[in-house]
N, C-alpha and C. Protein backbone atom coordinates (compact mmCIF):
# COMPACT_ATOMS: atom_id res chain seq x y z
N MET A 1 -38.35 -42.36 8.87
CA MET A 1 -36.92 -42.23 8.75
C MET A 1 -36.20 -43.29 9.57
N LYS A 2 -36.69 -43.51 10.82
CA LYS A 2 -36.08 -44.54 11.67
C LYS A 2 -36.21 -45.91 11.03
N THR A 3 -37.36 -46.16 10.39
CA THR A 3 -37.56 -47.44 9.73
C THR A 3 -36.57 -47.62 8.59
N LEU A 4 -36.35 -46.59 7.81
CA LEU A 4 -35.40 -46.65 6.71
C LEU A 4 -33.99 -46.93 7.22
N ILE A 5 -33.59 -46.27 8.28
CA ILE A 5 -32.27 -46.49 8.87
C ILE A 5 -32.15 -47.92 9.38
N LEU A 6 -33.21 -48.43 10.03
CA LEU A 6 -33.20 -49.80 10.54
C LEU A 6 -33.07 -50.80 9.40
N ILE A 7 -33.80 -50.58 8.31
CA ILE A 7 -33.73 -51.48 7.16
C ILE A 7 -32.33 -51.45 6.55
N LEU A 8 -31.76 -50.25 6.39
CA LEU A 8 -30.41 -50.15 5.85
C LEU A 8 -29.40 -50.84 6.75
N ALA A 9 -29.52 -50.67 8.06
CA ALA A 9 -28.61 -51.32 9.00
C ALA A 9 -28.74 -52.84 8.90
N LEU A 10 -29.96 -53.32 8.80
CA LEU A 10 -30.20 -54.77 8.70
C LEU A 10 -29.61 -55.32 7.40
N LEU A 11 -29.82 -54.61 6.28
CA LEU A 11 -29.27 -55.06 5.01
C LEU A 11 -27.75 -55.09 5.04
N LEU A 12 -27.15 -54.05 5.61
CA LEU A 12 -25.69 -54.03 5.73
C LEU A 12 -25.19 -55.14 6.62
N SER A 13 -25.92 -55.43 7.70
CA SER A 13 -25.54 -56.51 8.61
C SER A 13 -25.60 -57.86 7.90
N VAL A 14 -26.67 -58.10 7.16
CA VAL A 14 -26.81 -59.37 6.43
C VAL A 14 -25.72 -59.49 5.38
N GLN A 15 -25.44 -58.39 4.64
CA GLN A 15 -24.39 -58.45 3.63
C GLN A 15 -23.04 -58.70 4.29
N ALA A 16 -22.76 -58.04 5.40
CA ALA A 16 -21.48 -58.24 6.08
C ALA A 16 -21.36 -59.68 6.57
N GLN A 17 -22.45 -60.25 7.08
CA GLN A 17 -22.40 -61.64 7.55
C GLN A 17 -22.14 -62.59 6.39
N SER A 18 -22.80 -62.36 5.24
CA SER A 18 -22.61 -63.28 4.13
C SER A 18 -21.19 -63.18 3.57
N ILE A 19 -20.63 -61.97 3.54
CA ILE A 19 -19.26 -61.82 3.08
C ILE A 19 -18.31 -62.46 4.08
N GLU A 20 -18.54 -62.20 5.37
CA GLU A 20 -17.68 -62.74 6.41
C GLU A 20 -17.69 -64.26 6.41
N SER A 21 -18.84 -64.86 6.12
CA SER A 21 -18.95 -66.30 6.17
C SER A 21 -18.29 -66.99 4.98
N ARG A 22 -17.80 -66.25 4.01
CA ARG A 22 -17.11 -66.86 2.87
C ARG A 22 -15.80 -67.50 3.29
N LEU A 23 -15.16 -66.99 4.34
CA LEU A 23 -13.90 -67.56 4.81
C LEU A 23 -14.21 -68.66 5.81
N ASN A 24 -13.67 -69.84 5.54
CA ASN A 24 -13.94 -71.00 6.39
C ASN A 24 -12.60 -71.63 6.79
N VAL A 25 -12.38 -71.75 8.10
CA VAL A 25 -11.16 -72.37 8.62
C VAL A 25 -11.61 -73.57 9.47
N LYS A 26 -11.10 -74.75 9.13
CA LYS A 26 -11.52 -75.95 9.85
C LYS A 26 -10.33 -76.85 10.16
N TYR A 27 -10.18 -77.18 11.45
CA TYR A 27 -9.10 -78.06 11.91
C TYR A 27 -9.62 -79.49 12.00
N ASP A 28 -8.86 -80.44 11.45
CA ASP A 28 -9.17 -81.87 11.54
C ASP A 28 -8.21 -82.49 12.54
N LYS A 29 -8.71 -82.79 13.73
CA LYS A 29 -7.83 -83.31 14.79
C LYS A 29 -7.30 -84.71 14.48
N PHE A 30 -7.99 -85.47 13.65
CA PHE A 30 -7.55 -86.81 13.32
C PHE A 30 -6.37 -86.79 12.35
N GLU A 31 -6.39 -85.87 11.41
CA GLU A 31 -5.30 -85.73 10.44
C GLU A 31 -4.27 -84.71 10.88
N ASP A 32 -4.59 -83.92 11.91
CA ASP A 32 -3.74 -82.81 12.37
C ASP A 32 -3.45 -81.86 11.21
N GLN A 33 -4.54 -81.46 10.54
CA GLN A 33 -4.45 -80.53 9.42
C GLN A 33 -5.54 -79.49 9.54
N THR A 34 -5.25 -78.30 9.00
CA THR A 34 -6.24 -77.24 8.96
C THR A 34 -6.48 -76.86 7.50
N GLY A 35 -7.73 -76.81 7.13
CA GLY A 35 -8.11 -76.36 5.79
C GLY A 35 -8.66 -74.95 5.87
N VAL A 36 -8.22 -74.10 4.97
CA VAL A 36 -8.70 -72.73 4.89
C VAL A 36 -9.26 -72.53 3.50
N ALA A 37 -10.48 -72.00 3.43
CA ALA A 37 -11.11 -71.79 2.13
C ALA A 37 -11.84 -70.45 2.11
N LEU A 38 -11.67 -69.76 1.01
CA LEU A 38 -12.47 -68.58 0.70
C LEU A 38 -13.45 -69.06 -0.36
N TRP A 39 -14.73 -69.18 -0.01
CA TRP A 39 -15.72 -69.84 -0.85
C TRP A 39 -16.47 -68.89 -1.76
N ARG A 40 -16.50 -69.20 -3.03
CA ARG A 40 -17.39 -68.63 -4.04
C ARG A 40 -17.52 -67.11 -3.99
N LEU A 41 -16.40 -66.45 -4.07
CA LEU A 41 -16.37 -65.00 -4.14
C LEU A 41 -16.85 -64.59 -5.54
N PRO A 42 -17.96 -63.84 -5.64
CA PRO A 42 -18.47 -63.49 -6.98
C PRO A 42 -17.50 -62.58 -7.73
N LEU A 43 -17.23 -62.92 -8.99
CA LEU A 43 -16.33 -62.13 -9.84
C LEU A 43 -17.07 -61.43 -10.96
N ALA A 44 -17.93 -62.15 -11.64
CA ALA A 44 -18.67 -61.59 -12.78
C ALA A 44 -20.09 -62.11 -12.71
N ARG A 45 -21.02 -61.28 -13.09
CA ARG A 45 -22.42 -61.65 -13.05
C ARG A 45 -23.08 -61.13 -14.32
N GLY A 46 -23.94 -61.94 -14.89
CA GLY A 46 -24.62 -61.48 -16.10
C GLY A 46 -25.75 -62.40 -16.47
N THR A 47 -26.58 -61.91 -17.37
CA THR A 47 -27.68 -62.70 -17.87
C THR A 47 -27.22 -63.42 -19.13
N ILE A 48 -27.51 -64.69 -19.19
CA ILE A 48 -27.21 -65.46 -20.40
C ILE A 48 -28.37 -65.19 -21.36
N ASP A 49 -28.18 -64.21 -22.25
CA ASP A 49 -29.30 -63.76 -23.08
C ASP A 49 -29.46 -64.56 -24.36
N TRP A 50 -28.50 -65.43 -24.67
CA TRP A 50 -28.65 -66.23 -25.87
C TRP A 50 -29.48 -67.48 -25.62
N ILE A 51 -29.89 -67.71 -24.36
CA ILE A 51 -30.81 -68.80 -24.05
C ILE A 51 -32.22 -68.25 -24.15
N PRO A 52 -33.13 -68.89 -24.89
CA PRO A 52 -34.48 -68.33 -25.07
C PRO A 52 -35.25 -68.24 -23.76
N GLU A 53 -36.12 -67.22 -23.67
CA GLU A 53 -37.02 -67.08 -22.53
C GLU A 53 -37.91 -68.31 -22.47
N PRO A 54 -38.43 -68.77 -21.36
CA PRO A 54 -38.19 -68.26 -20.01
C PRO A 54 -37.00 -68.91 -19.34
N MET A 55 -36.13 -69.60 -20.11
CA MET A 55 -35.03 -70.34 -19.50
C MET A 55 -33.81 -69.46 -19.23
N SER A 56 -33.75 -68.26 -19.84
CA SER A 56 -32.58 -67.41 -19.59
C SER A 56 -32.54 -67.04 -18.12
N ARG A 57 -31.35 -66.91 -17.59
CA ARG A 57 -31.23 -66.62 -16.17
C ARG A 57 -29.93 -65.90 -15.88
N VAL A 58 -29.88 -65.31 -14.72
CA VAL A 58 -28.68 -64.64 -14.28
C VAL A 58 -27.70 -65.71 -13.80
N THR A 59 -26.46 -65.58 -14.16
CA THR A 59 -25.44 -66.53 -13.75
C THR A 59 -24.24 -65.78 -13.22
N GLU A 60 -23.35 -66.49 -12.56
CA GLU A 60 -22.26 -65.86 -11.86
C GLU A 60 -20.97 -66.66 -12.02
N LEU A 61 -19.87 -65.97 -12.18
CA LEU A 61 -18.55 -66.59 -12.15
C LEU A 61 -18.00 -66.35 -10.75
N ARG A 62 -17.53 -67.42 -10.08
CA ARG A 62 -17.12 -67.32 -8.67
C ARG A 62 -15.70 -67.84 -8.49
N LEU A 63 -15.00 -67.25 -7.51
CA LEU A 63 -13.63 -67.62 -7.18
C LEU A 63 -13.61 -68.33 -5.83
N THR A 64 -12.89 -69.43 -5.74
CA THR A 64 -12.65 -70.13 -4.48
C THR A 64 -11.15 -70.33 -4.33
N LEU A 65 -10.63 -70.06 -3.13
CA LEU A 65 -9.22 -70.32 -2.82
C LEU A 65 -9.17 -71.33 -1.69
N VAL A 66 -8.28 -72.33 -1.79
CA VAL A 66 -8.18 -73.37 -0.76
C VAL A 66 -6.71 -73.65 -0.47
N HIS A 67 -6.39 -73.81 0.81
CA HIS A 67 -5.04 -74.21 1.22
C HIS A 67 -5.16 -75.07 2.48
N VAL A 68 -4.32 -76.08 2.59
CA VAL A 68 -4.29 -76.96 3.76
C VAL A 68 -2.88 -76.92 4.34
N TYR A 69 -2.79 -76.78 5.67
CA TYR A 69 -1.48 -76.82 6.33
C TYR A 69 -1.54 -77.77 7.52
N GLN A 70 -0.37 -78.25 7.93
CA GLN A 70 -0.25 -79.17 9.06
C GLN A 70 -0.47 -78.42 10.38
N GLY A 71 -1.14 -79.08 11.31
CA GLY A 71 -1.37 -78.51 12.64
C GLY A 71 -2.61 -77.63 12.67
N ASN A 72 -2.81 -77.01 13.85
CA ASN A 72 -4.00 -76.17 13.99
C ASN A 72 -3.69 -74.69 13.80
N LYS A 73 -2.43 -74.35 13.57
CA LYS A 73 -2.02 -72.97 13.27
C LYS A 73 -0.91 -73.02 12.24
N PRO A 74 -0.86 -72.04 11.34
CA PRO A 74 0.28 -72.01 10.42
C PRO A 74 1.55 -71.73 11.21
N ARG A 75 2.60 -72.52 10.96
CA ARG A 75 3.83 -72.39 11.75
C ARG A 75 4.96 -71.69 11.00
N THR A 76 4.98 -71.85 9.68
CA THR A 76 6.04 -71.23 8.90
C THR A 76 5.41 -70.32 7.84
N PRO A 77 6.08 -69.22 7.55
CA PRO A 77 5.54 -68.31 6.52
C PRO A 77 5.45 -69.00 5.16
N MET A 78 4.44 -68.65 4.41
CA MET A 78 4.30 -69.17 3.05
C MET A 78 5.42 -68.60 2.18
N ARG A 79 5.90 -69.43 1.27
CA ARG A 79 6.89 -68.99 0.30
C ARG A 79 6.17 -68.70 -1.02
N ASP A 80 6.74 -67.80 -1.81
CA ASP A 80 6.10 -67.38 -3.05
C ASP A 80 5.77 -68.54 -3.98
N GLU A 81 6.62 -69.58 -3.99
CA GLU A 81 6.41 -70.69 -4.93
C GLU A 81 5.45 -71.74 -4.41
N GLN A 82 5.08 -71.70 -3.11
CA GLN A 82 4.10 -72.67 -2.60
C GLN A 82 2.77 -72.47 -3.31
N LYS A 83 2.00 -73.55 -3.43
CA LYS A 83 0.77 -73.51 -4.22
C LYS A 83 -0.48 -73.36 -3.36
N VAL A 84 -1.42 -72.62 -3.92
CA VAL A 84 -2.77 -72.46 -3.38
C VAL A 84 -3.71 -72.90 -4.49
N LEU A 85 -4.76 -73.66 -4.16
CA LEU A 85 -5.71 -74.10 -5.17
C LEU A 85 -6.69 -72.96 -5.44
N LEU A 86 -6.72 -72.49 -6.68
CA LEU A 86 -7.64 -71.45 -7.11
C LEU A 86 -8.65 -72.11 -8.04
N THR A 87 -9.93 -71.92 -7.76
CA THR A 87 -10.98 -72.50 -8.59
C THR A 87 -11.92 -71.39 -9.05
N LEU A 88 -12.22 -71.37 -10.34
CA LEU A 88 -13.25 -70.50 -10.88
C LEU A 88 -14.40 -71.40 -11.28
N SER A 89 -15.59 -71.09 -10.80
CA SER A 89 -16.74 -71.94 -11.10
C SER A 89 -17.89 -71.12 -11.65
N ALA A 90 -18.70 -71.78 -12.47
CA ALA A 90 -19.88 -71.16 -13.05
C ALA A 90 -20.91 -72.26 -13.25
N ASP A 91 -22.19 -71.86 -13.31
CA ASP A 91 -23.19 -72.89 -13.57
C ASP A 91 -23.05 -73.38 -15.00
N ASP A 92 -23.78 -74.41 -15.32
CA ASP A 92 -23.62 -75.11 -16.59
C ASP A 92 -23.80 -74.21 -17.80
N SER A 93 -24.73 -73.25 -17.74
CA SER A 93 -24.97 -72.41 -18.92
C SER A 93 -23.78 -71.50 -19.21
N LEU A 94 -23.18 -70.92 -18.19
CA LEU A 94 -21.99 -70.10 -18.40
C LEU A 94 -20.78 -70.99 -18.65
N GLY A 95 -20.84 -72.21 -18.12
CA GLY A 95 -19.73 -73.14 -18.30
C GLY A 95 -19.40 -73.37 -19.76
N SER A 96 -20.39 -73.33 -20.64
CA SER A 96 -20.11 -73.53 -22.06
C SER A 96 -19.39 -72.32 -22.65
N VAL A 97 -19.47 -71.18 -21.99
CA VAL A 97 -18.82 -69.96 -22.47
C VAL A 97 -17.39 -69.86 -21.94
N ILE A 98 -17.13 -70.42 -20.74
CA ILE A 98 -15.82 -70.23 -20.12
C ILE A 98 -14.79 -71.25 -20.56
N GLY A 99 -15.17 -72.12 -21.50
CA GLY A 99 -14.21 -73.12 -21.96
C GLY A 99 -12.91 -72.49 -22.41
N GLY A 100 -11.84 -73.18 -22.25
CA GLY A 100 -10.53 -72.67 -22.65
C GLY A 100 -9.48 -73.19 -21.71
N PRO A 101 -8.28 -73.38 -22.22
CA PRO A 101 -7.25 -74.01 -21.41
C PRO A 101 -6.53 -73.09 -20.46
N GLN A 102 -6.72 -71.76 -20.58
CA GLN A 102 -5.92 -70.85 -19.76
C GLN A 102 -6.76 -69.82 -19.03
N LEU A 103 -6.29 -69.51 -17.84
CA LEU A 103 -6.77 -68.38 -17.06
C LEU A 103 -5.69 -67.32 -17.22
N ILE A 104 -6.07 -66.13 -17.65
CA ILE A 104 -5.10 -65.07 -17.88
C ILE A 104 -5.42 -63.90 -16.95
N PHE A 105 -4.42 -63.46 -16.21
CA PHE A 105 -4.54 -62.28 -15.35
C PHE A 105 -3.68 -61.16 -15.91
N LEU A 106 -4.18 -59.94 -15.84
CA LEU A 106 -3.39 -58.74 -16.03
C LEU A 106 -3.34 -58.05 -14.68
N ILE A 107 -2.17 -58.10 -14.04
CA ILE A 107 -2.00 -57.55 -12.70
C ILE A 107 -1.09 -56.34 -12.82
N ASP A 108 -1.66 -55.17 -12.60
CA ASP A 108 -0.92 -53.91 -12.79
C ASP A 108 -0.20 -53.90 -14.13
N GLY A 109 -0.90 -54.40 -15.16
CA GLY A 109 -0.36 -54.38 -16.51
C GLY A 109 0.54 -55.55 -16.87
N GLU A 110 0.90 -56.39 -15.91
CA GLU A 110 1.75 -57.55 -16.19
C GLU A 110 0.88 -58.78 -16.43
N ARG A 111 1.18 -59.53 -17.49
CA ARG A 111 0.35 -60.68 -17.90
C ARG A 111 0.85 -61.97 -17.27
N PHE A 112 -0.10 -62.76 -16.73
CA PHE A 112 0.19 -64.08 -16.16
C PHE A 112 -0.78 -65.08 -16.79
N LYS A 113 -0.24 -66.13 -17.41
CA LYS A 113 -1.07 -67.17 -18.02
C LYS A 113 -0.93 -68.44 -17.19
N LEU A 114 -2.06 -69.00 -16.79
CA LEU A 114 -2.08 -70.20 -15.96
C LEU A 114 -2.88 -71.28 -16.67
N ASP A 115 -2.32 -72.48 -16.79
CA ASP A 115 -3.05 -73.60 -17.38
C ASP A 115 -4.05 -74.13 -16.38
N THR A 116 -5.22 -74.46 -16.87
CA THR A 116 -6.31 -74.91 -15.99
C THR A 116 -6.56 -76.40 -16.16
N GLU A 117 -7.14 -76.99 -15.12
CA GLU A 117 -7.67 -78.35 -15.16
C GLU A 117 -9.16 -78.20 -14.94
N TRP A 118 -9.96 -78.99 -15.65
CA TRP A 118 -11.41 -78.84 -15.58
C TRP A 118 -12.03 -79.91 -14.70
N ALA A 119 -13.07 -79.51 -13.97
CA ALA A 119 -13.83 -80.45 -13.13
C ALA A 119 -15.31 -80.10 -13.27
N TYR A 120 -16.16 -81.07 -13.08
CA TYR A 120 -17.60 -80.86 -13.18
C TYR A 120 -18.27 -81.37 -11.92
N SER A 121 -19.34 -80.70 -11.53
CA SER A 121 -20.18 -81.18 -10.45
C SER A 121 -21.43 -81.78 -11.09
N PHE A 122 -21.78 -82.97 -10.67
CA PHE A 122 -22.92 -83.64 -11.28
C PHE A 122 -24.15 -83.67 -10.39
N ARG A 123 -24.08 -82.98 -9.24
CA ARG A 123 -25.27 -82.91 -8.40
C ARG A 123 -26.35 -82.12 -9.12
N GLU A 124 -27.58 -82.56 -9.07
CA GLU A 124 -28.67 -81.92 -9.80
C GLU A 124 -28.83 -80.46 -9.41
N GLU A 125 -28.69 -80.15 -8.12
CA GLU A 125 -28.90 -78.77 -7.66
C GLU A 125 -27.70 -77.87 -7.90
N ASP A 126 -26.57 -78.43 -8.31
CA ASP A 126 -25.36 -77.63 -8.46
C ASP A 126 -24.57 -78.07 -9.68
N LYS A 127 -25.15 -77.91 -10.85
CA LYS A 127 -24.45 -78.27 -12.09
C LYS A 127 -23.44 -77.17 -12.38
N THR A 128 -22.20 -77.41 -12.06
CA THR A 128 -21.18 -76.38 -12.27
C THR A 128 -20.02 -76.93 -13.08
N LYS A 129 -19.34 -76.01 -13.72
CA LYS A 129 -18.10 -76.31 -14.41
C LYS A 129 -17.03 -75.50 -13.68
N GLU A 130 -15.92 -76.14 -13.36
CA GLU A 130 -14.88 -75.46 -12.58
C GLU A 130 -13.54 -75.56 -13.29
N ALA A 131 -12.83 -74.46 -13.30
CA ALA A 131 -11.44 -74.43 -13.77
C ALA A 131 -10.58 -74.35 -12.53
N GLN A 132 -9.69 -75.33 -12.36
CA GLN A 132 -8.83 -75.37 -11.18
C GLN A 132 -7.38 -75.11 -11.58
N VAL A 133 -6.72 -74.30 -10.78
CA VAL A 133 -5.34 -73.94 -11.05
C VAL A 133 -4.56 -73.98 -9.73
N HIS A 134 -3.46 -74.71 -9.71
CA HIS A 134 -2.56 -74.66 -8.56
C HIS A 134 -1.70 -73.41 -8.75
N THR A 135 -2.03 -72.39 -7.99
CA THR A 135 -1.50 -71.04 -8.20
C THR A 135 -0.40 -70.73 -7.19
N PRO A 136 0.72 -70.17 -7.63
CA PRO A 136 1.76 -69.78 -6.67
C PRO A 136 1.23 -68.76 -5.66
N TYR A 137 1.61 -68.96 -4.41
CA TYR A 137 1.21 -68.05 -3.33
C TYR A 137 1.56 -66.60 -3.67
N GLY A 138 2.72 -66.37 -4.24
CA GLY A 138 3.15 -65.01 -4.59
C GLY A 138 2.19 -64.33 -5.56
N LEU A 139 1.60 -65.11 -6.47
CA LEU A 139 0.64 -64.54 -7.41
C LEU A 139 -0.66 -64.19 -6.69
N VAL A 140 -1.08 -65.02 -5.74
CA VAL A 140 -2.30 -64.73 -4.97
C VAL A 140 -2.09 -63.44 -4.15
N VAL A 141 -0.89 -63.27 -3.61
CA VAL A 141 -0.58 -62.02 -2.88
C VAL A 141 -0.73 -60.83 -3.82
N ARG A 142 -0.25 -60.98 -5.04
CA ARG A 142 -0.38 -59.88 -6.01
C ARG A 142 -1.83 -59.61 -6.36
N LEU A 143 -2.66 -60.67 -6.47
CA LEU A 143 -4.08 -60.46 -6.72
C LEU A 143 -4.71 -59.62 -5.62
N ALA A 144 -4.28 -59.86 -4.39
CA ALA A 144 -4.87 -59.18 -3.23
C ALA A 144 -4.38 -57.76 -3.04
N THR A 145 -3.21 -57.43 -3.57
CA THR A 145 -2.60 -56.15 -3.24
C THR A 145 -2.40 -55.22 -4.43
N ALA A 146 -2.65 -55.67 -5.63
CA ALA A 146 -2.40 -54.85 -6.83
C ALA A 146 -3.41 -53.71 -6.93
N LYS A 147 -3.02 -52.69 -7.66
CA LYS A 147 -3.93 -51.57 -7.92
C LYS A 147 -4.96 -51.93 -8.97
N SER A 148 -4.59 -52.82 -9.90
CA SER A 148 -5.49 -53.19 -10.99
C SER A 148 -5.33 -54.68 -11.28
N VAL A 149 -6.45 -55.41 -11.22
CA VAL A 149 -6.45 -56.83 -11.55
C VAL A 149 -7.60 -57.11 -12.51
N GLU A 150 -7.26 -57.59 -13.69
CA GLU A 150 -8.25 -58.04 -14.66
C GLU A 150 -7.97 -59.50 -14.95
N GLY A 151 -9.01 -60.23 -15.37
CA GLY A 151 -8.81 -61.62 -15.69
C GLY A 151 -9.71 -62.05 -16.83
N ARG A 152 -9.34 -63.16 -17.46
CA ARG A 152 -10.17 -63.74 -18.50
C ARG A 152 -10.02 -65.25 -18.45
N LEU A 153 -11.14 -65.93 -18.50
CA LEU A 153 -11.20 -67.38 -18.63
C LEU A 153 -12.10 -67.67 -19.80
N GLY A 154 -11.54 -68.21 -20.88
CA GLY A 154 -12.33 -68.38 -22.09
C GLY A 154 -12.77 -67.02 -22.60
N SER A 155 -14.07 -66.82 -22.76
CA SER A 155 -14.56 -65.53 -23.24
C SER A 155 -15.12 -64.66 -22.12
N VAL A 156 -15.01 -65.10 -20.88
CA VAL A 156 -15.54 -64.34 -19.75
C VAL A 156 -14.43 -63.51 -19.13
N GLU A 157 -14.65 -62.19 -19.09
CA GLU A 157 -13.69 -61.28 -18.49
C GLU A 157 -14.22 -60.76 -17.17
N PHE A 158 -13.31 -60.43 -16.27
CA PHE A 158 -13.69 -59.91 -14.96
C PHE A 158 -12.57 -59.02 -14.44
N HIS A 159 -12.86 -58.27 -13.40
CA HIS A 159 -11.83 -57.50 -12.70
C HIS A 159 -12.15 -57.53 -11.22
N LEU A 160 -11.09 -57.44 -10.42
CA LEU A 160 -11.27 -57.44 -8.97
C LEU A 160 -11.44 -56.01 -8.49
N VAL A 161 -12.38 -55.83 -7.57
CA VAL A 161 -12.61 -54.53 -6.94
C VAL A 161 -12.11 -54.61 -5.50
N PRO A 162 -11.95 -53.47 -4.83
CA PRO A 162 -11.32 -53.48 -3.50
C PRO A 162 -11.94 -54.45 -2.49
N TRP A 163 -13.27 -54.59 -2.41
CA TRP A 163 -13.84 -55.49 -1.40
C TRP A 163 -13.47 -56.94 -1.68
N GLN A 164 -13.33 -57.31 -2.97
CA GLN A 164 -12.93 -58.67 -3.31
C GLN A 164 -11.46 -58.89 -2.91
N GLN A 165 -10.63 -57.88 -3.14
CA GLN A 165 -9.23 -57.99 -2.74
C GLN A 165 -9.10 -58.09 -1.23
N GLU A 166 -9.95 -57.39 -0.49
CA GLU A 166 -9.93 -57.48 0.98
C GLU A 166 -10.27 -58.90 1.43
N GLU A 167 -11.20 -59.56 0.75
CA GLU A 167 -11.54 -60.94 1.09
C GLU A 167 -10.35 -61.87 0.84
N ILE A 168 -9.65 -61.65 -0.24
CA ILE A 168 -8.47 -62.47 -0.53
C ILE A 168 -7.39 -62.20 0.52
N GLN A 169 -7.25 -60.97 0.96
CA GLN A 169 -6.28 -60.63 2.01
C GLN A 169 -6.62 -61.36 3.32
N LYS A 170 -7.91 -61.49 3.65
CA LYS A 170 -8.31 -62.25 4.85
C LYS A 170 -7.88 -63.71 4.73
N PHE A 171 -8.06 -64.28 3.54
CA PHE A 171 -7.63 -65.65 3.29
C PHE A 171 -6.13 -65.77 3.50
N LEU A 172 -5.36 -64.84 2.94
CA LEU A 172 -3.91 -64.88 3.07
C LEU A 172 -3.46 -64.77 4.53
N LYS A 173 -4.14 -63.95 5.31
CA LYS A 173 -3.81 -63.84 6.74
C LYS A 173 -4.10 -65.14 7.48
N ALA A 174 -5.13 -65.86 7.04
CA ALA A 174 -5.50 -67.13 7.70
C ALA A 174 -4.52 -68.26 7.41
N ILE A 175 -3.75 -68.15 6.32
CA ILE A 175 -2.82 -69.25 6.00
C ILE A 175 -1.37 -68.90 6.34
N ASN A 176 -1.14 -67.73 6.86
CA ASN A 176 0.22 -67.30 7.23
C ASN A 176 0.29 -67.01 8.71
N PRO A 177 1.44 -67.35 9.36
CA PRO A 177 1.53 -67.06 10.80
C PRO A 177 1.64 -65.57 11.07
């Protein structure tokens, strides 16, 4: 029984550390700027079953939020219209499924359509397709605080659960005084 409790505590500790490490705040003293990023928050996960065995694999749709501000601390409150870079990324196999010009959110039943810009990573170990959107801060706040958040990019649908919203809230606290 003690061994089982120890294993559970260790697993929870490792999971908490990996979730905690998703938020990265870094000050550049030469530019006098601070970058804040919430890295690769998993949104949707699934097996690409239309790829023949043994090449089929589990893939993931991930969310990244990035904001840069002057100085080593945020000095002024964010305004709703200020932009935060939101990126949705997936590996190359899911990337062919997520094609489409818009990211659509349903936030507490209200529809928001955002035009995306596409980027690709060409590193061999990280073949990803990314949809980037300069998203209003006010919309990111709604993503973090709404009772219900669903999204769709191309044919991939996802929804935010409370722990994902808590991670976005940590990001928002890091970019606001």
